[in-house]
Amino acid sequence: MNMFTPVILGKWDFEAHEYVKHDVPENMTIVLYSTNMDLPINCSNCFKNMTFGDGYTSRTIHNPTGFGFPVCEDCYEEEVAQEKNNKEIENANQEIN
């Protein structure tokens, strides 16, 4: 594990409404914050190479205090779609009840 890889990452499960452990391979560079927008890192979800400045704040992968780690654009769009889909399901369930 390199100096940038956090010890604990949780991934929010929209359906279960709880965090599940999110394992990061040891050779990945995952950072929470950097002033260097050109810093080479890995997406905290799919682990593809990217720079810190190209990242989006994850809607699902957080540190213990809830701050989102950087994810690539594809993963961010997937997270937003998952969140929207889950909200639509919850709203439909509330209308039934």
N, C-alpha and C. Protein backbone atom coordinates (compact mmCIF):
# COMPACT_ATOMS: atom_id res chain seq x y z
N MET A 1 0.86 -1.17 0.00
CA MET A 1 0.00 0.00 0.00
C MET A 1 0.90 1.24 0.00
N ASN A 2 0.66 2.16 -0.89
CA ASN A 2 1.51 3.34 -0.94
C ASN A 2 1.01 4.40 0.04
N MET A 3 1.76 5.48 0.15
CA MET A 3 1.43 6.49 1.17
C MET A 3 0.12 7.22 0.91
N PHE A 4 -0.44 7.13 -0.29
CA PHE A 4 -1.68 7.82 -0.60
C PHE A 4 -2.92 6.96 -0.36
N THR A 5 -2.75 5.67 -0.22
CA THR A 5 -3.91 4.79 -0.11
C THR A 5 -4.50 4.85 1.30
N PRO A 6 -5.78 5.17 1.42
CA PRO A 6 -6.40 5.25 2.74
C PRO A 6 -6.58 3.86 3.34
N VAL A 7 -6.72 3.83 4.63
CA VAL A 7 -6.90 2.57 5.33
C VAL A 7 -8.34 2.08 5.22
N ILE A 8 -9.29 2.99 5.35
CA ILE A 8 -10.70 2.59 5.39
C ILE A 8 -11.49 3.34 4.32
N LEU A 9 -12.16 2.59 3.47
CA LEU A 9 -13.10 3.17 2.52
C LEU A 9 -14.42 2.44 2.68
N GLY A 10 -15.49 3.18 2.68
CA GLY A 10 -16.82 2.59 2.70
C GLY A 10 -17.54 2.95 1.43
N LYS A 11 -18.33 2.02 0.91
CA LYS A 11 -19.12 2.27 -0.30
C LYS A 11 -20.60 2.21 0.08
N TRP A 12 -21.30 3.32 -0.17
CA TRP A 12 -22.71 3.42 0.19
C TRP A 12 -23.55 2.54 -0.71
N ASP A 13 -24.40 1.73 -0.10
CA ASP A 13 -25.33 0.88 -0.82
C ASP A 13 -26.68 1.58 -0.78
N PHE A 14 -27.13 2.09 -1.93
CA PHE A 14 -28.37 2.87 -1.98
C PHE A 14 -29.59 2.04 -1.58
N GLU A 15 -29.59 0.76 -1.89
CA GLU A 15 -30.74 -0.09 -1.56
C GLU A 15 -30.78 -0.43 -0.08
N ALA A 16 -29.64 -0.82 0.48
CA ALA A 16 -29.59 -1.24 1.88
C ALA A 16 -29.47 -0.06 2.85
N HIS A 17 -29.12 1.12 2.32
CA HIS A 17 -28.92 2.32 3.14
C HIS A 17 -27.87 2.11 4.22
N GLU A 18 -26.74 1.54 3.79
CA GLU A 18 -25.63 1.32 4.71
C GLU A 18 -24.33 1.24 3.91
N TYR A 19 -23.22 1.41 4.62
CA TYR A 19 -21.91 1.29 4.00
C TYR A 19 -21.46 -0.16 4.00
N VAL A 20 -20.79 -0.54 2.91
CA VAL A 20 -20.14 -1.84 2.83
C VAL A 20 -18.64 -1.57 2.63
N LYS A 21 -17.83 -2.49 3.06
CA LYS A 21 -16.38 -2.32 2.93
C LYS A 21 -16.01 -2.27 1.45
N HIS A 22 -15.13 -1.35 1.11
CA HIS A 22 -14.67 -1.19 -0.28
C HIS A 22 -13.16 -1.43 -0.29
N ASP A 23 -12.75 -2.57 -0.77
CA ASP A 23 -11.33 -2.93 -0.79
C ASP A 23 -10.62 -2.29 -1.97
N VAL A 24 -9.42 -1.80 -1.70
CA VAL A 24 -8.58 -1.19 -2.72
C VAL A 24 -7.30 -2.02 -2.85
N PRO A 25 -6.97 -2.46 -4.06
CA PRO A 25 -5.72 -3.21 -4.24
C PRO A 25 -4.52 -2.38 -3.78
N GLU A 26 -3.52 -3.04 -3.25
CA GLU A 26 -2.36 -2.35 -2.67
C GLU A 26 -1.61 -1.46 -3.64
N ASN A 27 -1.60 -1.78 -4.91
CA ASN A 27 -0.81 -1.01 -5.87
C ASN A 27 -1.55 0.21 -6.44
N MET A 28 -2.70 0.53 -5.89
CA MET A 28 -3.50 1.66 -6.37
C MET A 28 -3.15 2.92 -5.58
N THR A 29 -3.27 4.06 -6.24
CA THR A 29 -3.07 5.35 -5.58
C THR A 29 -4.42 6.04 -5.48
N ILE A 30 -4.97 6.03 -4.29
CA ILE A 30 -6.26 6.64 -4.01
C ILE A 30 -6.02 7.75 -3.00
N VAL A 31 -6.40 8.97 -3.34
CA VAL A 31 -6.21 10.09 -2.43
C VAL A 31 -7.54 10.76 -2.15
N LEU A 32 -7.61 11.40 -1.01
CA LEU A 32 -8.82 12.13 -0.65
C LEU A 32 -8.72 13.58 -1.05
N TYR A 33 -7.51 14.13 -1.00
CA TYR A 33 -7.32 15.55 -1.28
C TYR A 33 -5.92 15.78 -1.82
N SER A 34 -5.79 16.72 -2.74
CA SER A 34 -4.48 17.12 -3.24
C SER A 34 -4.58 18.53 -3.80
N THR A 35 -3.52 19.31 -3.67
CA THR A 35 -3.46 20.62 -4.32
C THR A 35 -2.87 20.50 -5.71
N ASN A 36 -2.36 19.31 -6.04
CA ASN A 36 -1.75 19.05 -7.34
C ASN A 36 -2.80 18.42 -8.27
N MET A 37 -3.38 19.22 -9.14
CA MET A 37 -4.42 18.72 -10.03
C MET A 37 -3.88 17.74 -11.07
N ASP A 38 -2.56 17.71 -11.28
CA ASP A 38 -1.95 16.80 -12.24
C ASP A 38 -1.44 15.52 -11.58
N LEU A 39 -1.70 15.33 -10.31
CA LEU A 39 -1.25 14.15 -9.59
C LEU A 39 -1.86 12.89 -10.20
N PRO A 40 -1.03 11.92 -10.63
CA PRO A 40 -1.59 10.67 -11.15
C PRO A 40 -2.16 9.83 -10.00
N ILE A 41 -3.43 9.47 -10.15
CA ILE A 41 -4.11 8.63 -9.16
C ILE A 41 -4.92 7.57 -9.89
N ASN A 42 -5.63 6.78 -9.12
CA ASN A 42 -6.57 5.81 -9.67
C ASN A 42 -7.98 6.17 -9.24
N CYS A 43 -8.94 5.90 -10.09
CA CYS A 43 -10.34 6.05 -9.73
C CYS A 43 -10.59 5.16 -8.51
N SER A 44 -11.27 5.69 -7.51
CA SER A 44 -11.50 4.90 -6.30
C SER A 44 -12.55 3.81 -6.48
N ASN A 45 -13.21 3.78 -7.63
CA ASN A 45 -14.19 2.72 -7.88
C ASN A 45 -13.66 1.68 -8.86
N CYS A 46 -13.33 2.09 -10.09
CA CYS A 46 -12.89 1.12 -11.11
C CYS A 46 -11.37 0.98 -11.18
N PHE A 47 -10.65 1.89 -10.51
CA PHE A 47 -9.19 1.87 -10.37
C PHE A 47 -8.44 2.21 -11.65
N LYS A 48 -9.13 2.76 -12.67
CA LYS A 48 -8.40 3.15 -13.88
C LYS A 48 -7.54 4.38 -13.58
N ASN A 49 -6.49 4.57 -14.37
CA ASN A 49 -5.59 5.71 -14.20
C ASN A 49 -6.29 7.00 -14.59
N MET A 50 -6.01 8.05 -13.81
CA MET A 50 -6.55 9.38 -14.08
C MET A 50 -5.70 10.38 -13.31
N THR A 51 -5.96 11.66 -13.48
CA THR A 51 -5.31 12.66 -12.65
C THR A 51 -6.32 13.16 -11.62
N PHE A 52 -5.82 13.67 -10.51
CA PHE A 52 -6.69 14.15 -9.46
C PHE A 52 -7.66 15.21 -9.99
N GLY A 53 -7.17 16.10 -10.83
CA GLY A 53 -8.00 17.18 -11.36
C GLY A 53 -9.12 16.72 -12.28
N ASP A 54 -9.01 15.52 -12.82
CA ASP A 54 -10.06 14.97 -13.68
C ASP A 54 -11.14 14.24 -12.89
N GLY A 55 -10.97 14.13 -11.58
CA GLY A 55 -11.89 13.36 -10.75
C GLY A 55 -13.14 14.12 -10.35
N TYR A 56 -14.16 13.35 -10.04
CA TYR A 56 -15.43 13.86 -9.51
C TYR A 56 -15.56 13.31 -8.09
N THR A 57 -16.20 14.06 -7.21
CA THR A 57 -16.39 13.58 -5.84
C THR A 57 -17.41 12.46 -5.86
N SER A 58 -17.01 11.30 -5.38
CA SER A 58 -17.88 10.13 -5.40
C SER A 58 -19.12 10.34 -4.55
N ARG A 59 -20.25 9.85 -5.04
CA ARG A 59 -21.51 9.87 -4.30
C ARG A 59 -21.62 8.65 -3.40
N THR A 60 -20.70 7.67 -3.58
CA THR A 60 -20.82 6.42 -2.83
C THR A 60 -19.58 6.01 -2.04
N ILE A 61 -18.40 6.40 -2.47
CA ILE A 61 -17.16 5.93 -1.81
C ILE A 61 -16.62 7.05 -0.93
N HIS A 62 -16.66 6.80 0.38
CA HIS A 62 -16.37 7.85 1.36
C HIS A 62 -15.36 7.39 2.41
N ASN A 63 -14.76 8.38 3.08
CA ASN A 63 -13.94 8.09 4.25
C ASN A 63 -14.88 7.95 5.45
N PRO A 64 -14.36 7.63 6.63
CA PRO A 64 -15.25 7.42 7.79
C PRO A 64 -16.11 8.62 8.17
N THR A 65 -15.72 9.83 7.76
CA THR A 65 -16.54 11.00 8.08
C THR A 65 -17.48 11.39 6.95
N GLY A 66 -17.49 10.62 5.86
CA GLY A 66 -18.44 10.85 4.78
C GLY A 66 -17.94 11.69 3.62
N PHE A 67 -16.66 12.02 3.60
CA PHE A 67 -16.10 12.82 2.51
C PHE A 67 -15.82 11.91 1.32
N GLY A 68 -16.27 12.29 0.12
CA GLY A 68 -16.15 11.44 -1.07
C GLY A 68 -14.77 11.44 -1.70
N PHE A 69 -14.33 10.28 -2.13
CA PHE A 69 -13.06 10.11 -2.84
C PHE A 69 -13.26 10.40 -4.33
N PRO A 70 -12.18 10.70 -5.05
CA PRO A 70 -12.31 10.97 -6.49
C PRO A 70 -12.63 9.70 -7.29
N VAL A 71 -13.55 9.87 -8.24
CA VAL A 71 -13.86 8.81 -9.19
C VAL A 71 -13.81 9.39 -10.59
N CYS A 72 -13.67 8.53 -11.59
CA CYS A 72 -13.65 8.98 -12.98
C CYS A 72 -15.06 9.39 -13.41
N GLU A 73 -15.15 10.05 -14.55
CA GLU A 73 -16.44 10.53 -15.05
C GLU A 73 -17.44 9.39 -15.26
N ASP A 74 -16.97 8.27 -15.83
CA ASP A 74 -17.87 7.14 -16.08
C ASP A 74 -18.46 6.60 -14.78
N CYS A 75 -17.63 6.44 -13.75
CA CYS A 75 -18.12 5.92 -12.47
C CYS A 75 -19.05 6.92 -11.81
N TYR A 76 -18.73 8.21 -11.92
CA TYR A 76 -19.60 9.23 -11.33
C TYR A 76 -20.99 9.20 -11.97
N GLU A 77 -21.03 9.13 -13.30
CA GLU A 77 -22.32 9.08 -13.99
C GLU A 77 -23.11 7.83 -13.58
N GLU A 78 -22.42 6.72 -13.38
CA GLU A 78 -23.09 5.49 -12.94
C GLU A 78 -23.65 5.66 -11.53
N GLU A 79 -22.88 6.31 -10.64
CA GLU A 79 -23.35 6.54 -9.28
C GLU A 79 -24.59 7.43 -9.26
N VAL A 80 -24.58 8.48 -10.06
CA VAL A 80 -25.72 9.40 -10.13
C VAL A 80 -26.96 8.65 -10.65
N ALA A 81 -26.77 7.81 -11.65
CA ALA A 81 -27.89 7.03 -12.19
C ALA A 81 -28.43 6.05 -11.14
N GLN A 82 -27.53 5.40 -10.39
CA GLN A 82 -27.97 4.48 -9.35
C GLN A 82 -28.76 5.22 -8.27
N GLU A 83 -28.27 6.39 -7.88
CA GLU A 83 -28.94 7.17 -6.85
C GLU A 83 -30.33 7.61 -7.34
N LYS A 84 -30.40 8.08 -8.57
CA LYS A 84 -31.68 8.52 -9.13
C LYS A 84 -32.66 7.35 -9.21
N ASN A 85 -32.20 6.20 -9.68
CA ASN A 85 -33.05 5.03 -9.79
C ASN A 85 -33.58 4.61 -8.42
N ASN A 86 -32.71 4.64 -7.41
CA ASN A 86 -33.13 4.25 -6.07
C ASN A 86 -34.16 5.23 -5.51
N LYS A 87 -33.98 6.52 -5.76
CA LYS A 87 -34.95 7.51 -5.29
C LYS A 87 -36.31 7.32 -5.96
N GLU A 88 -36.30 6.98 -7.25
CA GLU A 88 -37.55 6.73 -7.97
C GLU A 88 -38.27 5.51 -7.39
N ILE A 89 -37.51 4.48 -7.06
CA ILE A 89 -38.11 3.27 -6.45
C ILE A 89 -38.68 3.60 -5.09
N GLU A 90 -37.93 4.36 -4.27
CA GLU A 90 -38.42 4.73 -2.95
C GLU A 90 -39.68 5.58 -3.05
N ASN A 91 -39.70 6.53 -3.99
CA ASN A 91 -40.89 7.36 -4.16
C ASN A 91 -42.09 6.53 -4.59
N ALA A 92 -41.90 5.58 -5.48
CA ALA A 92 -42.98 4.71 -5.93
C ALA A 92 -43.50 3.87 -4.76
N ASN A 93 -42.60 3.38 -3.93
CA ASN A 93 -43.01 2.58 -2.76
C ASN A 93 -43.79 3.42 -1.78
N GLN A 94 -43.43 4.69 -1.60
CA GLN A 94 -44.17 5.57 -0.69
C GLN A 94 -45.57 5.85 -1.21
N GLU A 95 -45.70 5.96 -2.52
CA GLU A 95 -47.02 6.21 -3.10
C GLU A 95 -47.94 5.01 -2.91
N ILE A 96 -47.38 3.81 -2.94
CA ILE A 96 -48.17 2.59 -2.75
C ILE A 96 -48.68 2.51 -1.32
N ASN A 97 -47.83 2.89 -0.39
CA ASN A 97 -48.21 2.81 1.02
C ASN A 97 -49.03 3.98 1.37
